[in-house]
C-alpha atoms as a PDB file:
ATOM      1  CA  MET A   1     -55.802  20.056   6.117  1.00  0.00           C
ATOM      2  CA  ASP A   2     -56.533  23.647   5.087  1.00  0.00           C
ATOM      3  CA  MET A   3     -59.671  24.967   3.467  1.00  0.00           C
ATOM      4  CA  SER A   4     -59.776  27.400   0.553  1.00  0.00           C
ATOM      5  CA  SER A   5     -61.871  30.575   0.583  1.00  0.00           C
ATOM      6  CA  ASP A   6     -64.652  28.808  -1.254  1.00  0.00           C
ATOM      7  CA  GLY A   7     -64.706  25.907   1.201  1.00  0.00           C
ATOM      8  CA  VAL A   8     -62.697  23.403  -0.854  1.00  0.00           C
ATOM      9  CA  ALA A   9     -60.171  21.308   1.060  1.00  0.00           C
ATOM     10  CA  VAL A  10     -56.571  22.206   0.253  1.00  0.00           C
ATOM     11  CA  LEU A  11     -53.599  19.963   1.014  1.00  0.00           C
ATOM     12  CA  PRO A  12     -50.759  22.077   2.408  1.00  0.00           C
ATOM     13  CA  ALA A  13     -47.351  21.918   0.732  1.00  0.00           C
ATOM     14  CA  PRO A  14     -44.353  20.428   2.566  1.00  0.00           C
ATOM     15  CA  GLN A  15     -42.193  22.995   4.398  1.00  0.00           C
ATOM     16  CA  ASN A  16     -38.603  23.399   5.639  1.00  0.00           C
ATOM     17  CA  LEU A  17     -36.811  21.656   2.792  1.00  0.00           C
ATOM     18  CA  SER A  18     -33.102  21.002   3.371  1.00  0.00           C
ATOM     19  CA  VAL A  19     -30.366  18.669   2.175  1.00  0.00           C
ATOM     20  CA  GLN A  20     -28.131  16.732   4.558  1.00  0.00           C
ATOM     21  CA  SER A  21     -24.994  15.627   2.710  1.00  0.00           C
ATOM     22  CA  THR A  22     -22.210  13.585   4.316  1.00  0.00           C
ATOM     23  CA  ASN A  23     -19.557  11.563   2.501  1.00  0.00           C
ATOM     24  CA  MET A  24     -21.341  11.942  -0.861  1.00  0.00           C
ATOM     25  CA  LYS A  25     -24.643  10.644   0.556  1.00  0.00           C
ATOM     26  CA  HIS A  26     -27.335  13.244  -0.097  1.00  0.00           C
ATOM     27  CA  VAL A  27     -30.700  13.192   1.677  1.00  0.00           C
ATOM     28  CA  LEU A  28     -33.498  15.722   1.075  1.00  0.00           C
ATOM     29  CA  THR A  29     -35.740  16.215   4.125  1.00  0.00           C
ATOM     30  CA  TRP A  30     -38.885  18.258   4.843  1.00  0.00           C
ATOM     31  CA  SER A  31     -41.537  18.736   7.497  1.00  0.00           C
ATOM     32  CA  PRO A  32     -44.312  16.159   7.069  1.00  0.00           C
ATOM     33  CA  VAL A  33     -47.836  17.120   6.088  1.00  0.00           C
ATOM     34  CA  THR A  34     -50.107  15.739   8.788  1.00  0.00           C
ATOM     35  CA  VAL A  35     -53.682  14.636   8.084  1.00  0.00           C
ATOM     36  CA  PRO A  36     -55.359  12.687  10.914  1.00  0.00           C
ATOM     37  CA  GLU A  37     -55.956   9.026  10.099  1.00  0.00           C
ATOM     38  CA  GLU A  38     -54.610   9.467   6.583  1.00  0.00           C
ATOM     39  CA  ILE A  39     -51.372   8.508   4.848  1.00  0.00           C
ATOM     40  CA  VAL A  40     -49.850  11.310   2.835  1.00  0.00           C
ATOM     41  CA  HIS A  41     -47.534  10.525  -0.053  1.00  0.00           C
ATOM     42  CA  TYR A  42     -44.833  12.773  -1.449  1.00  0.00           C
ATOM     43  CA  SER A  43     -43.263  13.262  -4.846  1.00  0.00           C
ATOM     44  CA  VAL A  44     -39.726  14.578  -5.351  1.00  0.00           C
ATOM     45  CA  GLU A  45     -38.336  16.091  -8.537  1.00  0.00           C
ATOM     46  CA  TYR A  46     -35.029  17.687  -9.440  1.00  0.00           C
ATOM     47  CA  GLN A  47     -33.626  19.891 -12.149  1.00  0.00           C
ATOM     48  CA  GLY A  48     -29.979  20.087 -13.141  1.00  0.00           C
ATOM     49  CA  GLU A  49     -28.070  23.155 -14.201  1.00  0.00           C
ATOM     50  CA  TYR A  50     -28.620  22.486 -17.898  1.00  0.00           C
ATOM     51  CA  GLU A  51     -32.384  22.029 -17.483  1.00  0.00           C
ATOM     52  CA  SER A  52     -32.711  25.164 -15.369  1.00  0.00           C
ATOM     53  CA  LEU A  53     -30.915  27.224 -18.038  1.00  0.00           C
ATOM     54  CA  TYR A  54     -32.343  25.813 -21.266  1.00  0.00           C
ATOM     55  CA  THR A  55     -35.442  23.741 -20.444  1.00  0.00           C
ATOM     56  CA  SER A  56     -36.755  25.245 -17.225  1.00  0.00           C
ATOM     57  CA  HIS A  57     -40.149  23.575 -17.635  1.00  0.00           C
ATOM     58  CA  ILE A  58     -38.623  20.087 -17.423  1.00  0.00           C
ATOM     59  CA  TRP A  59     -38.303  18.477 -13.991  1.00  0.00           C
ATOM     60  CA  ILE A  60     -37.092  14.910 -13.491  1.00  0.00           C
ATOM     61  CA  PRO A  61     -38.761  12.578 -10.940  1.00  0.00           C
ATOM     62  CA  SER A  62     -36.413  11.154  -8.325  1.00  0.00           C
ATOM     63  CA  ILE A  63     -35.527   7.487  -8.840  1.00  0.00           C
ATOM     64  CA  TRP A  64     -36.502   6.296  -5.364  1.00  0.00           C
ATOM     65  CA  CYS A  65     -38.937   8.902  -4.084  1.00  0.00           C
ATOM     66  CA  SER A  66     -41.780   9.291  -6.525  1.00  0.00           C
ATOM     67  CA  PRO A  67     -43.830   8.550  -4.578  1.00  0.00           C
ATOM     68  CA  THR A  68     -42.738   7.963  -0.981  1.00  0.00           C
ATOM     69  CA  GLN A  69     -44.469   7.978   2.386  1.00  0.00           C
ATOM     70  CA  ARG A  70     -41.455   9.134   4.373  1.00  0.00           C
ATOM     71  CA  PRO A  71     -40.649  12.861   4.786  1.00  0.00           C
ATOM     72  CA  GLU A  72     -37.185  12.334   3.309  1.00  0.00           C
ATOM     73  CA  CYS A  73     -35.577  11.167   0.083  1.00  0.00           C
ATOM     74  CA  ASP A  74     -32.137   9.750  -0.671  1.00  0.00           C
ATOM     75  CA  ILE A  75     -31.197  11.683  -3.805  1.00  0.00           C
ATOM     76  CA  THR A  76     -27.616  10.361  -4.012  1.00  0.00           C
ATOM     77  CA  GLU A  77     -28.202   8.518  -7.283  1.00  0.00           C
ATOM     78  CA  ASP A  78     -30.025  11.528  -8.771  1.00  0.00           C
ATOM     79  CA  ILE A  79     -27.073  13.857  -8.222  1.00  0.00           C
ATOM     80  CA  THR A  80     -24.676  12.575 -10.872  1.00  0.00           C
ATOM     81  CA  ALA A  81     -22.669  15.706 -11.705  1.00  0.00           C
ATOM     82  CA  THR A  82     -20.811  18.405  -9.831  1.00  0.00           C
ATOM     83  CA  VAL A  83     -23.282  21.142 -10.749  1.00  0.00           C
ATOM     84  CA  SER A  84     -26.066  22.956  -8.928  1.00  0.00           C
ATOM     85  CA  TYR A  85     -29.446  21.221  -8.616  1.00  0.00           C
ATOM     86  CA  SER A  86     -32.901  22.546  -7.843  1.00  0.00           C
ATOM     87  CA  LEU A  87     -35.166  20.263  -5.791  1.00  0.00           C
ATOM     88  CA  ARG A  88     -38.896  20.367  -5.088  1.00  0.00           C
ATOM     89  CA  VAL A  89     -41.482  18.331  -3.158  1.00  0.00           C
ATOM     90  CA  ARG A  90     -45.279  18.141  -3.117  1.00  0.00           C
ATOM     91  CA  ALA A  91     -47.785  16.114  -1.122  1.00  0.00           C
ATOM     92  CA  THR A  92     -50.687  14.002  -2.426  1.00  0.00           C
ATOM     93  CA  LEU A  93     -53.654  12.494  -0.636  1.00  0.00           C
ATOM     94  CA  GLY A  94     -56.135  10.678  -2.820  1.00  0.00           C
ATOM     95  CA  SER A  95     -57.245  13.179  -5.425  1.00  0.00           C
ATOM     96  CA  LEU A  96     -55.773  16.097  -3.492  1.00  0.00           C
ATOM     97  CA  THR A  97     -52.391  17.478  -4.491  1.00  0.00           C
ATOM     98  CA  SER A  98     -50.472  20.264  -2.791  1.00  0.00           C
ATOM     99  CA  ALA A  99     -48.443  22.973  -4.437  1.00  0.00           C
ATOM    100  CA  TRP A 100     -44.738  22.385  -4.997  1.00  0.00           C
ATOM    101  CA  SER A 101     -42.271  23.480  -2.359  1.00  0.00           C
ATOM    102  CA  THR A 102     -38.816  24.270  -3.752  1.00  0.00           C
ATOM    103  CA  LEU A 103     -35.497  24.190  -1.950  1.00  0.00           C
ATOM    104  CA  LYS A 104     -34.465  27.778  -1.255  1.00  0.00           C
ATOM    105  CA  HIS A 105     -30.827  27.343  -2.244  1.00  0.00           C
ATOM    106  CA  ARG A 106     -29.661  25.143  -5.062  1.00  0.00           C
ATOM    107  CA  PHE A 107     -27.652  22.106  -3.960  1.00  0.00           C
ATOM    108  CA  ASN A 108     -24.150  21.184  -5.168  1.00  0.00           C
ATOM    109  CA  GLN A 109     -22.448  18.003  -4.006  1.00  0.00           C
ATOM    110  CA  ASN A 110     -19.222  19.989  -3.569  1.00  0.00           C
ATOM    111  CA  SER A 111     -20.697  21.044  -0.232  1.00  0.00           C
ATOM    112  CA  THR A 112     -20.820  17.496   1.138  1.00  0.00           C
ATOM    113  CA  ILE A 113     -19.173  17.008   4.512  1.00  0.00           C
ATOM    114  CA  LEU A 114     -16.244  14.574   4.410  1.00  0.00           C
ATOM    115  CA  THR A 115     -15.490  12.747   7.648  1.00  0.00           C
ATOM    116  CA  PRO A 116     -12.362  10.728   8.543  1.00  0.00           C
ATOM    117  CA  PRO A 117     -12.815   7.060   7.672  1.00  0.00           C
ATOM    118  CA  GLY A 118     -13.333   4.357  10.229  1.00  0.00           C
ATOM    119  CA  MET A 119     -10.430   1.920  10.298  1.00  0.00           C
ATOM    120  CA  GLU A 120      -9.336  -1.281  12.006  1.00  0.00           C
ATOM    121  CA  ILE A 121      -5.659  -2.217  12.453  1.00  0.00           C
ATOM    122  CA  THR A 122      -4.882  -5.944  12.596  1.00  0.00           C
ATOM    123  CA  MET A 123      -1.863  -8.242  12.522  1.00  0.00           C
ATOM    124  CA  ASP A 124      -1.437 -11.363  10.395  1.00  0.00           C
ATOM    125  CA  GLY A 125       1.744 -12.898  11.762  1.00  0.00           C
ATOM    126  CA  PHE A 126       4.286 -10.130  11.219  1.00  0.00           C
ATOM    127  CA  HIS A 127       2.213  -8.354   8.548  1.00  0.00           C
ATOM    128  CA  LEU A 128       0.536  -5.061   9.432  1.00  0.00           C
ATOM    129  CA  LEU A 129      -2.958  -4.818   7.882  1.00  0.00           C
ATOM    130  CA  ILE A 130      -5.643  -2.126   7.787  1.00  0.00           C
ATOM    131  CA  LYS A 131      -9.354  -2.457   7.103  1.00  0.00           C
ATOM    132  CA  LEU A 132     -11.128   0.754   6.086  1.00  0.00           C
ATOM    133  CA  GLU A 133     -14.750   1.768   6.147  1.00  0.00           C
ATOM    134  CA  ASP A 134     -16.520   1.212   2.814  1.00  0.00           C
ATOM    135  CA  LEU A 135     -17.791   4.642   1.766  1.00  0.00           C
ATOM    136  CA  GLY A 136     -18.614   3.873  -1.858  1.00  0.00           C
ATOM    137  CA  PRO A 137     -16.970   4.039  -5.272  1.00  0.00           C
ATOM    138  CA  HIS A 138     -16.177   7.773  -5.134  1.00  0.00           C
ATOM    139  CA  PHE A 139     -13.617   7.380  -2.364  1.00  0.00           C
ATOM    140  CA  GLU A 140      -9.900   6.747  -2.241  1.00  0.00           C
ATOM    141  CA  PHE A 141      -7.938   6.481   0.989  1.00  0.00           C
ATOM    142  CA  PHE A 142      -4.583   7.968   1.891  1.00  0.00           C
ATOM    143  CA  VAL A 143      -3.080   5.773   4.608  1.00  0.00           C
ATOM    144  CA  SER A 144      -0.116   7.097   6.569  1.00  0.00           C
ATOM    145  CA  TYR A 145       1.909   4.698   8.727  1.00  0.00           C
ATOM    146  CA  TRP A 146       5.261   4.722  10.513  1.00  0.00           C
ATOM    147  CA  ARG A 147       7.294   2.940  13.153  1.00  0.00           C
ATOM    148  CA  ARG A 148       6.929   4.662  16.506  1.00  0.00           C
ATOM    149  CA  GLU A 149      10.477   5.785  17.234  1.00  0.00           C
ATOM    150  CA  PRO A 150      12.416   9.079  17.046  1.00  0.00           C
ATOM    151  CA  GLY A 151      13.121  10.193  13.475  1.00  0.00           C
ATOM    152  CA  ALA A 152      10.965   7.474  11.903  1.00  0.00           C
ATOM    153  CA  LYS A 153       9.990   7.989   8.272  1.00  0.00           C
ATOM    154  CA  GLU A 154       6.279   8.323   7.503  1.00  0.00           C
ATOM    155  CA  HIS A 155       5.007   6.215   4.592  1.00  0.00           C
ATOM    156  CA  ILE A 156       1.920   6.962   2.472  1.00  0.00           C
ATOM    157  CA  LYS A 157      -0.127   4.340   0.634  1.00  0.00           C
ATOM    158  CA  VAL A 158      -3.086   5.112  -1.656  1.00  0.00           C
ATOM    159  CA  VAL A 159      -5.869   2.549  -1.350  1.00  0.00           C
ATOM    160  CA  ARG A 160      -8.570   2.164  -3.986  1.00  0.00           C
ATOM    161  CA  PRO A 161     -12.155   1.121  -3.150  1.00  0.00           C
ATOM    162  CA  GLY A 162     -12.708  -2.605  -2.789  1.00  0.00           C
ATOM    163  CA  VAL A 163      -9.074  -3.445  -1.959  1.00  0.00           C
ATOM    164  CA  LEU A 164      -9.661  -4.397   1.676  1.00  0.00           C
ATOM    165  CA  PRO A 165      -8.016  -5.342   3.980  1.00  0.00           C
ATOM    166  CA  VAL A 166      -4.733  -3.787   2.893  1.00  0.00           C
ATOM    167  CA  TYR A 167      -1.179  -4.991   3.620  1.00  0.00           C
ATOM    168  CA  LEU A 168       0.989  -2.129   4.858  1.00  0.00           C
ATOM    169  CA  GLU A 169       4.340  -3.485   6.033  1.00  0.00           C
ATOM    170  CA  THR A 170       6.258  -6.427   7.442  1.00  0.00           C
ATOM    171  CA  VAL A 171       6.933  -5.525  11.063  1.00  0.00           C
ATOM    172  CA  GLU A 172       9.578  -6.412  13.630  1.00  0.00           C
ATOM    173  CA  PRO A 173       8.923  -8.156  16.961  1.00  0.00           C
ATOM    174  CA  GLY A 174       8.669  -5.819  19.927  1.00  0.00           C
ATOM    175  CA  ALA A 175       8.274  -2.669  17.781  1.00  0.00           C
ATOM    176  CA  ALA A 176       5.234  -0.349  17.763  1.00  0.00           C
ATOM    177  CA  TYR A 177       3.609   1.002  14.588  1.00  0.00           C
ATOM    178  CA  CYS A 178       1.126   3.852  14.139  1.00  0.00           C
ATOM    179  CA  VAL A 179      -1.478   4.385  11.404  1.00  0.00           C
ATOM    180  CA  LYS A 180      -3.894   7.129  10.361  1.00  0.00           C
ATOM    181  CA  ALA A 181      -6.016   7.636   7.233  1.00  0.00           C
ATOM    182  CA  ARG A 182      -8.094  10.173   5.365  1.00  0.00           C
ATOM    183  CA  THR A 183     -10.452  10.054   2.395  1.00  0.00           C
ATOM    184  CA  PHE A 184     -10.180  11.738  -0.993  1.00  0.00           C
ATOM    185  CA  VAL A 185     -12.988  12.291  -3.506  1.00  0.00           C
ATOM    186  CA  LYS A 186     -11.663  12.980  -6.979  1.00  0.00           C
ATOM    187  CA  ALA A 187     -15.044  14.122  -8.336  1.00  0.00           C
ATOM    188  CA  ILE A 188     -15.031  17.173  -6.083  1.00  0.00           C
ATOM    189  CA  GLY A 189     -11.261  17.464  -5.501  1.00  0.00           C
ATOM    190  CA  ARG A 190     -11.524  17.413  -1.704  1.00  0.00           C
ATOM    191  CA  HIS A 191     -10.246  15.284   1.139  1.00  0.00           C
ATOM    192  CA  SER A 192     -11.274  14.722   4.735  1.00  0.00           C
ATOM    193  CA  ALA A 193      -9.261  15.304   7.870  1.00  0.00           C
ATOM    194  CA  PHE A 194      -7.085  12.460   9.132  1.00  0.00           C
ATOM    195  CA  SER A 195      -8.598   9.901  11.453  1.00  0.00           C
ATOM    196  CA  PRO A 196      -7.250   9.666  15.015  1.00  0.00           C
ATOM    197  CA  THR A 197      -3.892   7.896  15.076  1.00  0.00           C
ATOM    198  CA  GLU A 198      -3.975   4.263  16.166  1.00  0.00           C
ATOM    199  CA  CYS A 199      -0.849   2.428  17.324  1.00  0.00           C
ATOM    200  CA  VAL A 200      -0.212  -1.283  17.818  1.00  0.00           C
ATOM    201  CA  LYS A 201       2.723  -3.094  19.386  1.00  0.00           C
ATOM    202  CA  VAL A 202       3.988  -6.277  17.783  1.00  0.00           C
ATOM    203  CA  GLN A 203       4.121  -9.301  20.077  1.00  0.00           C
ATOM    204  CA  GLY A 204       7.575 -10.693  20.905  1.00  0.00           C
ATOM    205  CA  GLU A 205      10.848  -9.139  21.979  1.00  0.00           C
ATOM    206  CA  ALA A 206      13.232  -7.266  19.764  1.00  0.00           C
ATOM    207  CA  LEU A 207      16.748  -8.694  19.496  1.00  0.00           C
ATOM    208  CA  PRO A 208      19.081  -6.567  21.696  1.00  0.00           C
ATOM    209  CA  LEU A 209      21.807  -4.709  19.841  1.00  0.00           C
ATOM    210  CA  ALA A 210      24.636  -6.362  21.812  1.00  0.00           C
ATOM    211  CA  LEU A 211      23.197  -9.807  21.129  1.00  0.00           C
ATOM    212  CA  ALA A 212      22.806  -9.014  17.452  1.00  0.00           C
ATOM    213  CA  LEU A 213      26.427  -7.804  17.288  1.00  0.00           C
ATOM    214  CA  PHE A 214      27.631 -10.922  19.096  1.00  0.00           C
ATOM    215  CA  ALA A 215      25.686 -13.114  16.674  1.00  0.00           C
ATOM    216  CA  PHE A 216      27.248 -11.294  13.714  1.00  0.00           C
ATOM    217  CA  VAL A 217      30.805 -11.680  15.085  1.00  0.00           C
ATOM    218  CA  GLY A 218      30.174 -15.365  15.789  1.00  0.00           C
ATOM    219  CA  PHE A 219      28.901 -15.884  12.273  1.00  0.00           C
ATOM    220  CA  MET A 220      32.011 -14.223  10.798  1.00  0.00           C
ATOM    221  CA  LEU A 221      34.325 -16.413  12.938  1.00  0.00           C
ATOM    222  CA  ILE A 222      32.523 -19.554  11.827  1.00  0.00           C
ATOM    223  CA  LEU A 223      32.824 -18.416   8.223  1.00  0.00           C
ATOM    224  CA  VAL A 224      36.594 -17.796   8.545  1.00  0.00           C
ATOM    225  CA  VAL A 225      37.152 -21.189  10.210  1.00  0.00           C
ATOM    226  CA  ALA A 226      35.158 -22.903   7.493  1.00  0.00           C
ATOM    227  CA  LEU A 227      37.194 -21.217   4.737  1.00  0.00           C
ATOM    228  CA  LEU A 228      40.489 -22.155   6.405  1.00  0.00           C
ATOM    229  CA  SER A 229      39.331 -25.746   6.794  1.00  0.00           C
ATOM    230  CA  VAL A 230      38.436 -25.951   3.113  1.00  0.00           C
ATOM    231  CA  TRP A 231      41.829 -24.488   2.140  1.00  0.00           C
ATOM    232  CA  LYS A 232      43.725 -26.912   4.426  1.00  0.00           C
ATOM    233  CA  MET A 233      41.741 -29.892   3.149  1.00  0.00           C
ATOM    234  CA  GLY A 234      42.530 -28.894  -0.421  1.00  0.00           C
ATOM    235  CA  ARG A 235      46.261 -28.861   0.312  1.00  0.00           C
ATOM    236  CA  LEU A 236      46.098 -32.272   2.007  1.00  0.00           C
ATOM    237  CA  LEU A 237      44.230 -33.795  -0.915  1.00  0.00           C
ATOM    238  CA  ARG A 238      46.697 -32.337  -3.405  1.00  0.00           C
ATOM    239  CA  HIS A 239      49.749 -33.765  -1.558  1.00  0.00           C
ATOM    240  CA  SER A 240      48.012 -37.137  -1.098  1.00  0.00           C
ATOM    241  CA  CYS A 241      47.152 -37.525  -4.776  1.00  0.00           C
ATOM    242  CA  CYS A 242      50.274 -35.956  -6.302  1.00  0.00           C
ATOM    243  CA  PRO A 243      53.180 -36.186  -3.821  1.00  0.00           C
ATOM    244  CA  VAL A 244      56.452 -34.391  -4.606  1.00  0.00           C
ATOM    245  CA  VAL A 245      59.328 -36.960  -4.972  1.00  0.00           C
ATOM    246  CA  MET A 246      62.742 -35.691  -3.822  1.00  0.00           C
ATOM    247  CA  LEU A 247      65.845 -37.192  -5.607  1.00  0.00           C
ATOM    248  CA  PRO A 248      68.953 -38.042  -3.618  1.00  0.00           C
ATOM    249  CA  ASP A 249      71.946 -35.765  -4.130  1.00  0.00           C
ATOM    250  CA  THR A 250      73.943 -38.562  -5.827  1.00  0.00           C
ATOM    251  CA  LEU A 251      71.347 -38.744  -8.602  1.00  0.00           C
ATOM    252  CA  LYS A 252      71.363 -35.057  -9.276  1.00  0.00           C
ATOM    253  CA  ILE A 253      73.297 -33.745 -12.285  1.00  0.00           C
ATOM    254  CA  THR A 254      75.026 -30.572 -11.316  1.00  0.00           C
ATOM    255  CA  ASN A 255      76.295 -29.766 -14.828  1.00  0.00           C
ATOM    256  CA  SER A 256      74.479 -30.144 -18.111  1.00  0.00           C
ATOM    257  CA  PRO A 257      75.710 -32.479 -20.931  1.00  0.00           C
ATOM    258  CA  GLN A 258      76.216 -29.464 -23.180  1.00  0.00           C
ATOM    259  CA  LYS A 259      78.748 -28.084 -20.766  1.00  0.00           C
ATOM    260  CA  LEU A 260      80.581 -31.374 -20.729  1.00  0.00           C
ATOM    261  CA  ILE A 261      80.712 -31.521 -24.531  1.00  0.00           C
ATOM    262  CA  SER A 262      82.155 -28.055 -24.653  1.00  0.00           C
ATOM    263  CA  CYS A 263      85.082 -29.062 -22.541  1.00  0.00           C
ATOM    264  CA  LYS A 264      88.343 -29.322 -24.527  1.00  0.00           C
ATOM    265  CA  LYS A 265      90.727 -32.164 -24.083  1.00  0.00           C
ATOM    266  CA  GLU A 266      93.119 -30.053 -22.113  1.00  0.00           C
ATOM    267  CA  GLU A 267      90.268 -29.181 -19.743  1.00  0.00           C
ATOM    268  CA  VAL A 268      89.344 -32.778 -18.983  1.00  0.00           C
ATOM    269  CA  GLU A 269      91.207 -32.753 -15.728  1.00  0.00           C
ATOM    270  CA  ALA A 270      89.447 -29.536 -14.716  1.00  0.00           C
ATOM    271  CA  CYS A 271      86.101 -31.081 -15.578  1.00  0.00           C
ATOM    272  CA  VAL A 272      86.940 -34.159 -13.541  1.00  0.00           C
ATOM    273  CA  THR A 273      87.856 -32.024 -10.590  1.00  0.00           C
ATOM    274  CA  SER A 274      84.486 -30.285 -10.870  1.00  0.00           C
ATOM    275  CA  GLY A 275      82.763 -33.505  -9.811  1.00  0.00           C
ATOM    276  CA  LEU A 276      82.542 -35.787 -12.907  1.00  0.00           C
ATOM    277  CA  SER A 277      83.861 -39.310 -12.937  1.00  0.00           C
ATOM    278  CA  SER A 278      85.946 -40.662 -15.833  1.00  0.00           C
ATOM    279  CA  GLU A 279      83.032 -42.814 -16.958  1.00  0.00           C
ATOM    280  CA  GLU A 280      80.721 -39.818 -17.118  1.00  0.00           C
ATOM    281  CA  LEU A 281      83.350 -37.811 -18.943  1.00  0.00           C
ATOM    282  CA  LEU A 282      83.828 -40.550 -21.498  1.00  0.00           C
ATOM    283  CA  LYS A 283      80.108 -40.810 -22.105  1.00  0.00           C
ATOM    284  CA  ALA A 284      79.913 -37.075 -22.570  1.00  0.00           C
ATOM    285  CA  TRP A 285      82.634 -37.135 -25.267  1.00  0.00           C
ATOM    286  CA  ILE A 286      80.999 -40.019 -27.075  1.00  0.00           C
END
């Protein structure tokens, strides 16, 4: 503890103020004020851009750190807009109060450091799933995944907060799949770098191409045989139910009655020679 020129004890102000900001978590830190065998408390206040321009005398106490015994303050919930903030800290000990120490450079959450998200790749049967680190409501995730083979297409899926774990794709036995992810914060319009790529191989063996082709040809042969059997059975049923009766040649009429009627008397003999009996000829004239 310092002493003033007139011998009055003076509580020194906190020094070395700085803000550590990672993944939209903002923590104000400072060097502690040390008083032997005493507990020093601190108060933290902030001022937004509007207050600093139009109401500079108004400072707002931090939600969680007025007062606090620790030489740090989580100001995440105080920083609600993407504007510049002024921050200040003072120490108190009993009736003694230090002067305010103000952060040298105003803080803007745009400067937060975004890190790649932690992720865990799992399998549920033949479903590829991903579980992502919960970084809070500000974050979206861009998940990139693909089958590990030459010329494979890379797929992108956007994952909202709270939708975890996430189904990515139905996979094939024996194949390997790779996944990577990065974060995006809409409030500041920035994204992190991609996480290291993680690959998993699906248990089981892939069906060889020759075997798959053989199976396809076998299926087609079975299908053709089945269709032929159905067609043959249909023909058998039709002939069994409705057989075609063939008349003997002696019962067949080779000339129509109209032709017989048209025969003149002098042509009777010619008609008879064409295959009609006298009885048939007589019936035709009658």
